Amino acid sequence: MNYIGGFCFLFVKEKISNDLDNEQTRFQESFSAFRGGEKLSYETEAFAIYDVMGYVKPPIFTLCVGNAWGEAALLLAAGAKGNRSALPSSTIMIKQPIGRFQGQATDVELARKEMNNVKAELVNLFAKHIGKTSEQIEADISRPKYFSPAEAVEYGIIDKVLYNERGSEDRGVVSDLKKAQLI
């Protein structure tokens, strides 16, 4: 099991074992699925986390720190409306699933069909949380599409960019996290 696979297992186990009816607001940090161009996780792991997020009753705050690419962008967008945010230097990218197949022709055909099913699910979930049509999402992920945080707000992936305005007690990342009782 790779690092992200292990994280996914522990995350799901923790969320299921905790009392999900707890009134305490929960925080879900988006994770990056790439390191130096190397893929570290798969859509199925993101779907597992996404499914568990659906069982959490309090609103889920999502925050992009650094990069939220592919599956991580889906988890970022799946946070509670109004509570999806990114730091100003973050990068968000949506893309279609990546697959490399080898083996007998029948095995490759089966894998291709499964990849198309995964892509369809990814498109539907993005459309649900971003508020765009499936056709628009499908067109946009035909090639990787990168967003600055401001562009991600305009597109509908996140709701706000968290700026640290020094000298103002009621603004900035720390204040927002304190208001959410996360620190």
N, C-alpha and C. Protein backbone atom coordinates (compact mmCIF):
# COMPACT_ATOMS: atom_id res chain seq x y z
N MET A 1 0.86 -1.18 0.00
CA MET A 1 0.00 0.00 0.00
C MET A 1 0.90 1.23 0.00
N ASN A 2 0.64 2.16 -0.94
CA ASN A 2 1.46 3.36 -0.99
C ASN A 2 1.06 4.34 0.12
N TYR A 3 1.78 5.45 0.19
CA TYR A 3 1.56 6.43 1.26
C TYR A 3 0.13 6.95 1.27
N ILE A 4 -0.37 7.37 0.09
CA ILE A 4 -1.71 7.92 0.02
C ILE A 4 -2.74 6.83 0.29
N GLY A 5 -2.49 5.62 -0.19
CA GLY A 5 -3.39 4.51 0.11
C GLY A 5 -3.48 4.27 1.60
N GLY A 6 -2.35 4.33 2.28
CA GLY A 6 -2.33 4.19 3.74
C GLY A 6 -3.07 5.32 4.42
N PHE A 7 -2.88 6.54 3.93
CA PHE A 7 -3.59 7.69 4.47
C PHE A 7 -5.09 7.50 4.30
N CYS A 8 -5.49 7.07 3.11
CA CYS A 8 -6.91 6.87 2.81
C CYS A 8 -7.51 5.85 3.77
N PHE A 9 -6.83 4.74 3.97
CA PHE A 9 -7.31 3.70 4.88
C PHE A 9 -7.48 4.26 6.29
N LEU A 10 -6.47 4.97 6.79
CA LEU A 10 -6.54 5.51 8.14
C LEU A 10 -7.61 6.58 8.26
N PHE A 11 -7.76 7.42 7.25
CA PHE A 11 -8.78 8.46 7.27
C PHE A 11 -10.17 7.84 7.35
N VAL A 12 -10.44 6.88 6.47
CA VAL A 12 -11.75 6.24 6.44
C VAL A 12 -12.01 5.52 7.76
N LYS A 13 -11.01 4.80 8.27
CA LYS A 13 -11.16 4.08 9.53
C LYS A 13 -11.48 5.05 10.67
N GLU A 14 -10.75 6.17 10.72
CA GLU A 14 -10.97 7.15 11.79
C GLU A 14 -12.37 7.75 11.70
N LYS A 15 -12.79 8.12 10.49
CA LYS A 15 -14.09 8.75 10.33
C LYS A 15 -15.23 7.79 10.66
N ILE A 16 -15.06 6.53 10.27
CA ILE A 16 -16.12 5.56 10.56
C ILE A 16 -16.15 5.22 12.04
N SER A 17 -14.98 5.13 12.68
CA SER A 17 -14.94 4.76 14.09
C SER A 17 -15.37 5.90 15.00
N ASN A 18 -15.23 7.14 14.55
CA ASN A 18 -15.67 8.28 15.35
C ASN A 18 -17.18 8.40 15.30
N ASP A 19 -17.72 9.11 16.24
CA ASP A 19 -19.15 9.39 16.24
C ASP A 19 -19.41 10.47 15.20
N LEU A 20 -19.94 10.10 14.04
CA LEU A 20 -20.13 11.05 12.95
C LEU A 20 -21.30 11.98 13.20
N ASP A 21 -22.09 11.72 14.25
CA ASP A 21 -23.19 12.62 14.59
C ASP A 21 -22.74 13.74 15.51
N ASN A 22 -21.49 13.71 15.90
CA ASN A 22 -20.93 14.73 16.78
C ASN A 22 -21.19 16.11 16.18
N GLU A 23 -21.59 17.06 17.01
CA GLU A 23 -21.90 18.41 16.53
C GLU A 23 -20.65 19.23 16.25
N GLN A 24 -19.50 18.73 16.61
CA GLN A 24 -18.26 19.46 16.37
C GLN A 24 -18.01 19.54 14.86
N THR A 25 -17.64 20.71 14.39
CA THR A 25 -17.32 20.88 12.98
C THR A 25 -16.04 20.14 12.67
N ARG A 26 -16.01 19.45 11.56
CA ARG A 26 -14.83 18.68 11.18
C ARG A 26 -14.09 19.38 10.05
N PHE A 27 -12.83 19.12 9.96
CA PHE A 27 -11.97 19.75 8.96
C PHE A 27 -11.35 18.69 8.09
N GLN A 28 -11.47 18.84 6.80
CA GLN A 28 -10.87 17.91 5.84
C GLN A 28 -9.83 18.67 5.05
N GLU A 29 -8.59 18.28 5.17
CA GLU A 29 -7.54 18.92 4.39
C GLU A 29 -7.37 18.18 3.08
N SER A 30 -7.38 18.92 2.01
CA SER A 30 -7.19 18.32 0.70
C SER A 30 -5.76 17.83 0.57
N PHE A 31 -5.57 16.68 -0.04
CA PHE A 31 -4.22 16.16 -0.20
C PHE A 31 -3.85 16.16 -1.68
N SER A 32 -2.58 16.31 -1.94
CA SER A 32 -2.11 16.28 -3.32
C SER A 32 -1.79 14.85 -3.69
N ALA A 33 -2.19 14.46 -4.88
CA ALA A 33 -1.99 13.08 -5.31
C ALA A 33 -0.75 12.91 -6.18
N PHE A 34 0.07 13.92 -6.26
CA PHE A 34 1.29 13.85 -7.06
C PHE A 34 2.48 14.32 -6.26
N ARG A 35 3.64 13.76 -6.56
CA ARG A 35 4.90 14.24 -6.00
C ARG A 35 5.91 14.19 -7.13
N GLY A 36 6.38 15.35 -7.53
CA GLY A 36 7.36 15.40 -8.59
C GLY A 36 6.90 14.74 -9.88
N GLY A 37 5.61 14.85 -10.20
CA GLY A 37 5.09 14.25 -11.42
C GLY A 37 4.70 12.80 -11.27
N GLU A 38 5.05 12.17 -10.14
CA GLU A 38 4.74 10.76 -9.92
C GLU A 38 3.37 10.64 -9.25
N LYS A 39 2.50 9.82 -9.81
CA LYS A 39 1.17 9.63 -9.25
C LYS A 39 1.27 8.78 -7.99
N LEU A 40 0.66 9.28 -6.90
CA LEU A 40 0.74 8.58 -5.63
C LEU A 40 -0.57 7.91 -5.22
N SER A 41 -1.66 8.28 -5.84
CA SER A 41 -2.93 7.69 -5.44
C SER A 41 -3.82 7.53 -6.66
N TYR A 42 -4.97 6.94 -6.42
CA TYR A 42 -5.88 6.65 -7.50
C TYR A 42 -7.26 7.18 -7.17
N GLU A 43 -8.09 7.32 -8.19
CA GLU A 43 -9.42 7.88 -8.01
C GLU A 43 -10.23 7.08 -7.01
N THR A 44 -10.04 5.76 -6.96
CA THR A 44 -10.83 4.94 -6.04
C THR A 44 -10.58 5.34 -4.59
N GLU A 45 -9.36 5.73 -4.25
CA GLU A 45 -9.08 6.18 -2.89
C GLU A 45 -9.77 7.52 -2.61
N ALA A 46 -9.76 8.41 -3.58
CA ALA A 46 -10.46 9.68 -3.42
C ALA A 46 -11.97 9.44 -3.30
N PHE A 47 -12.50 8.50 -4.08
CA PHE A 47 -13.92 8.18 -3.99
C PHE A 47 -14.27 7.63 -2.61
N ALA A 48 -13.37 6.84 -2.01
CA ALA A 48 -13.61 6.31 -0.67
C ALA A 48 -13.70 7.46 0.34
N ILE A 49 -12.77 8.40 0.25
CA ILE A 49 -12.80 9.56 1.15
C ILE A 49 -14.06 10.38 0.88
N TYR A 50 -14.38 10.59 -0.38
CA TYR A 50 -15.58 11.34 -0.75
C TYR A 50 -16.84 10.70 -0.15
N ASP A 51 -16.95 9.38 -0.26
CA ASP A 51 -18.12 8.68 0.29
C ASP A 51 -18.22 8.88 1.79
N VAL A 52 -17.10 8.79 2.50
CA VAL A 52 -17.12 8.98 3.95
C VAL A 52 -17.50 10.41 4.29
N MET A 53 -17.04 11.37 3.50
CA MET A 53 -17.41 12.77 3.74
C MET A 53 -18.92 12.94 3.73
N GLY A 54 -19.61 12.14 2.93
CA GLY A 54 -21.06 12.21 2.86
C GLY A 54 -21.77 11.78 4.13
N TYR A 55 -21.09 11.01 4.97
CA TYR A 55 -21.68 10.55 6.22
C TYR A 55 -21.46 11.52 7.38
N VAL A 56 -20.58 12.47 7.20
CA VAL A 56 -20.28 13.43 8.26
C VAL A 56 -21.38 14.49 8.25
N LYS A 57 -22.10 14.61 9.37
CA LYS A 57 -23.23 15.53 9.42
C LYS A 57 -22.83 17.00 9.56
N PRO A 58 -21.87 17.35 10.41
CA PRO A 58 -21.49 18.77 10.47
C PRO A 58 -20.86 19.21 9.15
N PRO A 59 -20.88 20.51 8.86
CA PRO A 59 -20.27 20.97 7.61
C PRO A 59 -18.78 20.68 7.58
N ILE A 60 -18.29 20.31 6.42
CA ILE A 60 -16.87 20.02 6.25
C ILE A 60 -16.20 21.22 5.61
N PHE A 61 -15.17 21.73 6.27
CA PHE A 61 -14.36 22.83 5.74
C PHE A 61 -13.22 22.21 4.95
N THR A 62 -13.03 22.66 3.71
CA THR A 62 -11.88 22.20 2.94
C THR A 62 -10.95 23.38 2.69
N LEU A 63 -9.67 23.11 2.73
CA LEU A 63 -8.66 24.14 2.56
C LEU A 63 -7.53 23.60 1.70
N CYS A 64 -7.23 24.30 0.62
CA CYS A 64 -6.10 23.92 -0.23
C CYS A 64 -4.87 24.69 0.24
N VAL A 65 -3.86 23.94 0.64
CA VAL A 65 -2.57 24.50 1.01
C VAL A 65 -1.58 23.90 0.01
N GLY A 66 -1.06 24.71 -0.89
CA GLY A 66 -0.16 24.19 -1.91
C GLY A 66 -0.92 23.82 -3.16
N ASN A 67 -1.03 22.54 -3.45
CA ASN A 67 -1.69 22.07 -4.66
C ASN A 67 -2.87 21.17 -4.34
N ALA A 68 -3.92 21.30 -5.12
CA ALA A 68 -5.04 20.34 -5.11
C ALA A 68 -5.26 19.98 -6.57
N TRP A 69 -4.68 18.87 -6.97
CA TRP A 69 -4.72 18.45 -8.37
C TRP A 69 -5.53 17.17 -8.51
N GLY A 70 -6.36 17.12 -9.54
CA GLY A 70 -7.11 15.90 -9.85
C GLY A 70 -8.07 15.53 -8.75
N GLU A 71 -7.82 14.37 -8.14
CA GLU A 71 -8.69 13.85 -7.09
C GLU A 71 -8.76 14.80 -5.90
N ALA A 72 -7.65 15.45 -5.59
CA ALA A 72 -7.63 16.39 -4.47
C ALA A 72 -8.54 17.58 -4.75
N ALA A 73 -8.63 18.01 -6.01
CA ALA A 73 -9.53 19.10 -6.38
C ALA A 73 -10.99 18.69 -6.17
N LEU A 74 -11.30 17.43 -6.43
CA LEU A 74 -12.66 16.94 -6.18
C LEU A 74 -12.99 17.02 -4.69
N LEU A 75 -12.08 16.56 -3.84
CA LEU A 75 -12.32 16.61 -2.40
C LEU A 75 -12.42 18.05 -1.92
N LEU A 76 -11.63 18.93 -2.49
CA LEU A 76 -11.70 20.35 -2.15
C LEU A 76 -13.07 20.91 -2.50
N ALA A 77 -13.57 20.60 -3.69
CA ALA A 77 -14.88 21.09 -4.14
C ALA A 77 -16.03 20.47 -3.37
N ALA A 78 -15.81 19.30 -2.77
CA ALA A 78 -16.88 18.57 -2.07
C ALA A 78 -17.13 19.09 -0.66
N GLY A 79 -16.36 20.06 -0.21
CA GLY A 79 -16.61 20.65 1.10
C GLY A 79 -17.95 21.37 1.12
N ALA A 80 -18.36 21.78 2.32
CA ALA A 80 -19.63 22.49 2.46
C ALA A 80 -19.57 23.83 1.73
N LYS A 81 -20.62 24.16 1.00
CA LYS A 81 -20.69 25.45 0.30
C LYS A 81 -20.45 26.58 1.30
N GLY A 82 -19.61 27.51 0.90
CA GLY A 82 -19.24 28.62 1.77
C GLY A 82 -18.03 28.34 2.63
N ASN A 83 -17.61 27.07 2.69
CA ASN A 83 -16.49 26.67 3.54
C ASN A 83 -15.37 26.01 2.75
N ARG A 84 -15.32 26.25 1.46
CA ARG A 84 -14.27 25.70 0.60
C ARG A 84 -13.31 26.85 0.27
N SER A 85 -12.05 26.69 0.65
CA SER A 85 -11.13 27.81 0.48
C SER A 85 -9.74 27.35 0.10
N ALA A 86 -8.91 28.32 -0.25
CA ALA A 86 -7.51 28.06 -0.61
C ALA A 86 -6.67 29.23 -0.15
N LEU A 87 -5.42 28.94 0.13
CA LEU A 87 -4.47 30.00 0.43
C LEU A 87 -4.06 30.67 -0.88
N PRO A 88 -3.61 31.92 -0.83
CA PRO A 88 -3.36 32.69 -2.06
C PRO A 88 -2.33 32.09 -3.02
N SER A 89 -1.37 31.34 -2.54
CA SER A 89 -0.33 30.78 -3.42
C SER A 89 -0.66 29.38 -3.91
N SER A 90 -1.85 28.91 -3.65
CA SER A 90 -2.24 27.55 -4.03
C SER A 90 -2.49 27.44 -5.53
N THR A 91 -2.45 26.20 -6.01
CA THR A 91 -2.79 25.89 -7.39
C THR A 91 -3.80 24.75 -7.38
N ILE A 92 -4.85 24.90 -8.15
CA ILE A 92 -5.88 23.88 -8.25
C ILE A 92 -5.93 23.43 -9.71
N MET A 93 -6.07 22.11 -9.93
CA MET A 93 -6.09 21.60 -11.29
C MET A 93 -7.11 20.47 -11.39
N ILE A 94 -7.93 20.54 -12.42
CA ILE A 94 -8.85 19.44 -12.70
C ILE A 94 -8.37 18.73 -13.95
N LYS A 95 -8.58 17.42 -13.99
CA LYS A 95 -8.09 16.62 -15.11
C LYS A 95 -8.90 15.33 -15.18
N GLN A 96 -8.80 14.66 -16.30
CA GLN A 96 -9.42 13.35 -16.41
C GLN A 96 -8.48 12.30 -15.81
N PRO A 97 -9.01 11.15 -15.45
CA PRO A 97 -8.17 10.10 -14.87
C PRO A 97 -7.06 9.68 -15.83
N ILE A 98 -5.96 9.24 -15.26
CA ILE A 98 -4.82 8.77 -16.04
C ILE A 98 -4.78 7.25 -15.92
N GLY A 99 -4.58 6.59 -17.03
CA GLY A 99 -4.45 5.14 -16.99
C GLY A 99 -3.45 4.65 -18.01
N ARG A 100 -2.67 3.70 -17.60
CA ARG A 100 -1.73 3.03 -18.51
C ARG A 100 -2.03 1.54 -18.41
N PHE A 101 -2.33 0.94 -19.55
CA PHE A 101 -2.75 -0.45 -19.55
C PHE A 101 -1.78 -1.29 -20.37
N GLN A 102 -1.63 -2.52 -19.94
CA GLN A 102 -0.85 -3.47 -20.72
C GLN A 102 -1.42 -4.86 -20.48
N GLY A 103 -1.08 -5.77 -21.33
CA GLY A 103 -1.58 -7.13 -21.21
C GLY A 103 -2.32 -7.53 -22.47
N GLN A 104 -3.14 -8.56 -22.33
CA GLN A 104 -3.92 -9.05 -23.46
C GLN A 104 -4.94 -7.99 -23.88
N ALA A 105 -5.34 -8.05 -25.12
CA ALA A 105 -6.29 -7.07 -25.66
C ALA A 105 -7.58 -7.03 -24.83
N THR A 106 -8.06 -8.19 -24.39
CA THR A 106 -9.29 -8.21 -23.59
C THR A 106 -9.09 -7.53 -22.24
N ASP A 107 -7.92 -7.70 -21.64
CA ASP A 107 -7.62 -7.04 -20.36
C ASP A 107 -7.56 -5.52 -20.54
N VAL A 108 -6.93 -5.10 -21.63
CA VAL A 108 -6.83 -3.66 -21.91
C VAL A 108 -8.22 -3.08 -22.16
N GLU A 109 -9.07 -3.80 -22.86
CA GLU A 109 -10.43 -3.33 -23.13
C GLU A 109 -11.23 -3.21 -21.84
N LEU A 110 -11.11 -4.20 -20.94
CA LEU A 110 -11.80 -4.13 -19.65
C LEU A 110 -11.31 -2.93 -18.83
N ALA A 111 -10.01 -2.72 -18.81
CA ALA A 111 -9.44 -1.59 -18.06
C ALA A 111 -9.90 -0.26 -18.66
N ARG A 112 -9.98 -0.19 -19.98
CA ARG A 112 -10.44 1.03 -20.65
C ARG A 112 -11.89 1.33 -20.28
N LYS A 113 -12.73 0.31 -20.24
CA LYS A 113 -14.13 0.50 -19.86
C LYS A 113 -14.23 1.00 -18.42
N GLU A 114 -13.44 0.41 -17.53
CA GLU A 114 -13.45 0.84 -16.13
C GLU A 114 -12.97 2.28 -16.01
N MET A 115 -11.94 2.64 -16.76
CA MET A 115 -11.44 4.02 -16.72
C MET A 115 -12.51 4.99 -17.21
N ASN A 116 -13.28 4.60 -18.22
CA ASN A 116 -14.37 5.45 -18.69
C ASN A 116 -15.45 5.60 -17.63
N ASN A 117 -15.73 4.53 -16.87
CA ASN A 117 -16.69 4.61 -15.76
C ASN A 117 -16.19 5.56 -14.68
N VAL A 118 -14.91 5.46 -14.36
CA VAL A 118 -14.31 6.35 -13.35
C VAL A 118 -14.38 7.79 -13.83
N LYS A 119 -14.08 8.02 -15.09
CA LYS A 119 -14.14 9.38 -15.65
C LYS A 119 -15.56 9.92 -15.56
N ALA A 120 -16.56 9.11 -15.91
CA ALA A 120 -17.95 9.55 -15.85
C ALA A 120 -18.35 9.92 -14.42
N GLU A 121 -17.92 9.12 -13.45
CA GLU A 121 -18.21 9.42 -12.05
C GLU A 121 -17.54 10.71 -11.61
N LEU A 122 -16.29 10.89 -12.00
CA LEU A 122 -15.55 12.11 -11.67
C LEU A 122 -16.24 13.33 -12.26
N VAL A 123 -16.65 13.24 -13.51
CA VAL A 123 -17.35 14.35 -14.18
C VAL A 123 -18.65 14.67 -13.44
N ASN A 124 -19.44 13.64 -13.10
CA ASN A 124 -20.71 13.87 -12.40
C ASN A 124 -20.50 14.52 -11.04
N LEU A 125 -19.48 14.08 -10.30
CA LEU A 125 -19.23 14.65 -8.97
C LEU A 125 -18.74 16.09 -9.08
N PHE A 126 -17.84 16.36 -10.01
CA PHE A 126 -17.41 17.75 -10.22
C PHE A 126 -18.61 18.62 -10.58
N ALA A 127 -19.45 18.15 -11.50
CA ALA A 127 -20.62 18.93 -11.92
C ALA A 127 -21.54 19.20 -10.73
N LYS A 128 -21.73 18.22 -9.88
CA LYS A 128 -22.59 18.36 -8.71
C LYS A 128 -22.08 19.45 -7.77
N HIS A 129 -20.79 19.48 -7.51
CA HIS A 129 -20.24 20.40 -6.52
C HIS A 129 -19.81 21.75 -7.08
N ILE A 130 -19.53 21.81 -8.37
CA ILE A 130 -19.06 23.05 -8.97
C ILE A 130 -20.23 23.85 -9.56
N GLY A 131 -21.28 23.15 -9.95
CA GLY A 131 -22.44 23.84 -10.50
C GLY A 131 -22.34 24.07 -12.00
N LYS A 132 -21.53 23.30 -12.67
CA LYS A 132 -21.42 23.38 -14.13
C LYS A 132 -22.06 22.11 -14.71
N THR A 133 -22.35 22.15 -16.00
CA THR A 133 -22.93 20.97 -16.64
C THR A 133 -21.86 19.89 -16.81
N SER A 134 -22.31 18.66 -16.91
CA SER A 134 -21.38 17.55 -17.15
C SER A 134 -20.63 17.76 -18.46
N GLU A 135 -21.31 18.31 -19.45
CA GLU A 135 -20.68 18.56 -20.74
C GLU A 135 -19.55 19.58 -20.60
N GLN A 136 -19.78 20.62 -19.81
CA GLN A 136 -18.74 21.64 -19.60
C GLN A 136 -17.55 21.05 -18.86
N ILE A 137 -17.82 20.25 -17.82
CA ILE A 137 -16.73 19.61 -17.07
C ILE A 137 -15.95 18.68 -17.98
N GLU A 138 -16.66 17.88 -18.76
CA GLU A 138 -16.01 16.94 -19.68
C GLU A 138 -15.07 17.68 -20.64
N ALA A 139 -15.54 18.80 -21.18
CA ALA A 139 -14.70 19.59 -22.09
C ALA A 139 -13.50 20.18 -21.35
N ASP A 140 -13.72 20.64 -20.13
CA ASP A 140 -12.65 21.30 -19.37
C ASP A 140 -11.57 20.33 -18.91
N ILE A 141 -11.93 19.06 -18.69
CA ILE A 141 -10.91 18.11 -18.23
C ILE A 141 -10.27 17.32 -19.37
N SER A 142 -10.62 17.67 -20.61
CA SER A 142 -10.01 16.95 -21.74
C SER A 142 -8.49 17.11 -21.72
N ARG A 143 -8.03 18.21 -21.18
CA ARG A 143 -6.60 18.45 -20.90
C ARG A 143 -6.55 19.01 -19.48
N PRO A 144 -5.45 18.83 -18.76
CA PRO A 144 -5.38 19.42 -17.42
C PRO A 144 -5.68 20.92 -17.46
N LYS A 145 -6.52 21.37 -16.55
CA LYS A 145 -6.90 22.79 -16.48
C LYS A 145 -6.50 23.32 -15.11
N TYR A 146 -5.60 24.30 -15.12
CA TYR A 146 -5.06 24.87 -13.89
C TYR A 146 -5.79 26.15 -13.52
N PHE A 147 -5.93 26.37 -12.21
CA PHE A 147 -6.61 27.56 -11.70
C PHE A 147 -5.77 28.20 -10.60
N SER A 148 -5.72 29.52 -10.62
CA SER A 148 -5.25 30.25 -9.44
C SER A 148 -6.42 30.20 -8.46
N PRO A 149 -6.20 30.53 -7.18
CA PRO A 149 -7.34 30.53 -6.25
C PRO A 149 -8.48 31.44 -6.70
N ALA A 150 -8.16 32.63 -7.22
CA ALA A 150 -9.22 33.53 -7.68
C ALA A 150 -9.99 32.92 -8.85
N GLU A 151 -9.29 32.26 -9.76
CA GLU A 151 -9.96 31.60 -10.88
C GLU A 151 -10.80 30.42 -10.40
N ALA A 152 -10.33 29.72 -9.36
CA ALA A 152 -11.09 28.60 -8.79
C ALA A 152 -12.38 29.08 -8.15
N VAL A 153 -12.35 30.28 -7.55
CA VAL A 153 -13.58 30.87 -6.99
C VAL A 153 -14.56 31.15 -8.13
N GLU A 154 -14.07 31.78 -9.18
CA GLU A 154 -14.91 32.12 -10.32
C GLU A 154 -15.50 30.87 -10.97
N TYR A 155 -14.72 29.80 -11.04
CA TYR A 155 -15.16 28.55 -11.66
C TYR A 155 -16.14 27.79 -10.77
N GLY A 156 -16.04 27.98 -9.45
CA GLY A 156 -16.95 27.31 -8.52
C GLY A 156 -16.35 26.19 -7.71
N ILE A 157 -15.03 25.97 -7.83
CA ILE A 157 -14.39 24.90 -7.07
C ILE A 157 -14.30 25.27 -5.59
N ILE A 158 -13.97 26.53 -5.32
CA ILE A 158 -13.89 27.02 -3.94
C ILE A 158 -14.76 28.26 -3.81
N ASP A 159 -14.95 28.70 -2.57
CA ASP A 159 -15.80 29.86 -2.30
C ASP A 159 -15.01 31.11 -1.97
N LYS A 160 -13.78 30.92 -1.45
CA LYS A 160 -13.01 32.11 -1.06
C LYS A 160 -11.53 31.80 -1.00
N VAL A 161 -10.76 32.86 -1.09
CA VAL A 161 -9.31 32.79 -0.91
C VAL A 161 -9.03 33.40 0.45
N LEU A 162 -8.27 32.69 1.27
CA LEU A 162 -7.98 33.17 2.62
C LEU A 162 -6.68 33.98 2.61
N TYR A 163 -6.82 35.28 2.85
CA TYR A 163 -5.65 36.16 2.90
C TYR A 163 -5.33 36.46 4.35
N ASN A 164 -4.06 36.59 4.65
CA ASN A 164 -3.62 36.96 5.99
C ASN A 164 -3.37 38.46 5.98
N GLU A 165 -4.33 39.20 6.49
CA GLU A 165 -4.19 40.65 6.56
C GLU A 165 -3.72 41.01 7.96
N ARG A 166 -2.45 41.25 8.08
CA ARG A 166 -1.84 41.54 9.38
C ARG A 166 -2.48 42.78 10.01
N GLY A 167 -2.65 42.71 11.31
CA GLY A 167 -3.20 43.83 12.05
C GLY A 167 -4.72 43.83 12.13
N SER A 168 -5.35 42.89 11.50
CA SER A 168 -6.80 42.81 11.54
C SER A 168 -7.19 41.51 12.24
N GLU A 169 -7.84 41.64 13.39
CA GLU A 169 -8.15 40.45 14.18
C GLU A 169 -9.22 39.56 13.55
N ASP A 170 -10.12 40.16 12.80
CA ASP A 170 -11.24 39.37 12.28
C ASP A 170 -11.04 38.91 10.84
N ARG A 171 -9.82 39.01 10.29
CA ARG A 171 -9.57 38.59 8.91
C ARG A 171 -8.37 37.66 8.88
N GLY A 172 -8.29 36.86 7.84
CA GLY A 172 -7.12 36.02 7.64
C GLY A 172 -7.36 34.57 7.98
N VAL A 173 -6.37 33.76 7.66
CA VAL A 173 -6.45 32.31 7.83
C VAL A 173 -6.65 31.93 9.29
N VAL A 174 -5.82 32.47 10.18
CA VAL A 174 -5.90 32.10 11.59
C VAL A 174 -7.26 32.44 12.15
N SER A 175 -7.79 33.62 11.82
CA SER A 175 -9.11 34.02 12.32
C SER A 175 -10.19 33.08 11.81
N ASP A 176 -10.13 32.76 10.51
CA ASP A 176 -11.13 31.85 9.96
C ASP A 176 -11.06 30.48 10.62
N LEU A 177 -9.85 29.99 10.87
CA LEU A 177 -9.70 28.69 11.53
C LEU A 177 -10.19 28.75 12.97
N LYS A 178 -9.94 29.88 13.66
CA LYS A 178 -10.44 30.03 15.03
C LYS A 178 -11.96 30.10 15.04
N LYS A 179 -12.54 30.84 14.11
CA LYS A 179 -14.00 30.93 14.03
C LYS A 179 -14.62 29.56 13.80
N ALA A 180 -13.94 28.74 13.04
CA ALA A 180 -14.42 27.38 12.77
C ALA A 180 -14.07 26.43 13.91
N GLN A 181 -13.44 26.95 14.95
CA GLN A 181 -13.02 26.19 16.13
C GLN A 181 -12.11 25.02 15.76
N LEU A 182 -11.23 25.29 14.79
CA LEU A 182 -10.29 24.27 14.36
C LEU A 182 -8.96 24.42 15.07
N ILE A 183 -8.70 25.60 15.65
CA ILE A 183 -7.49 25.81 16.45
C ILE A 183 -7.87 26.56 17.70
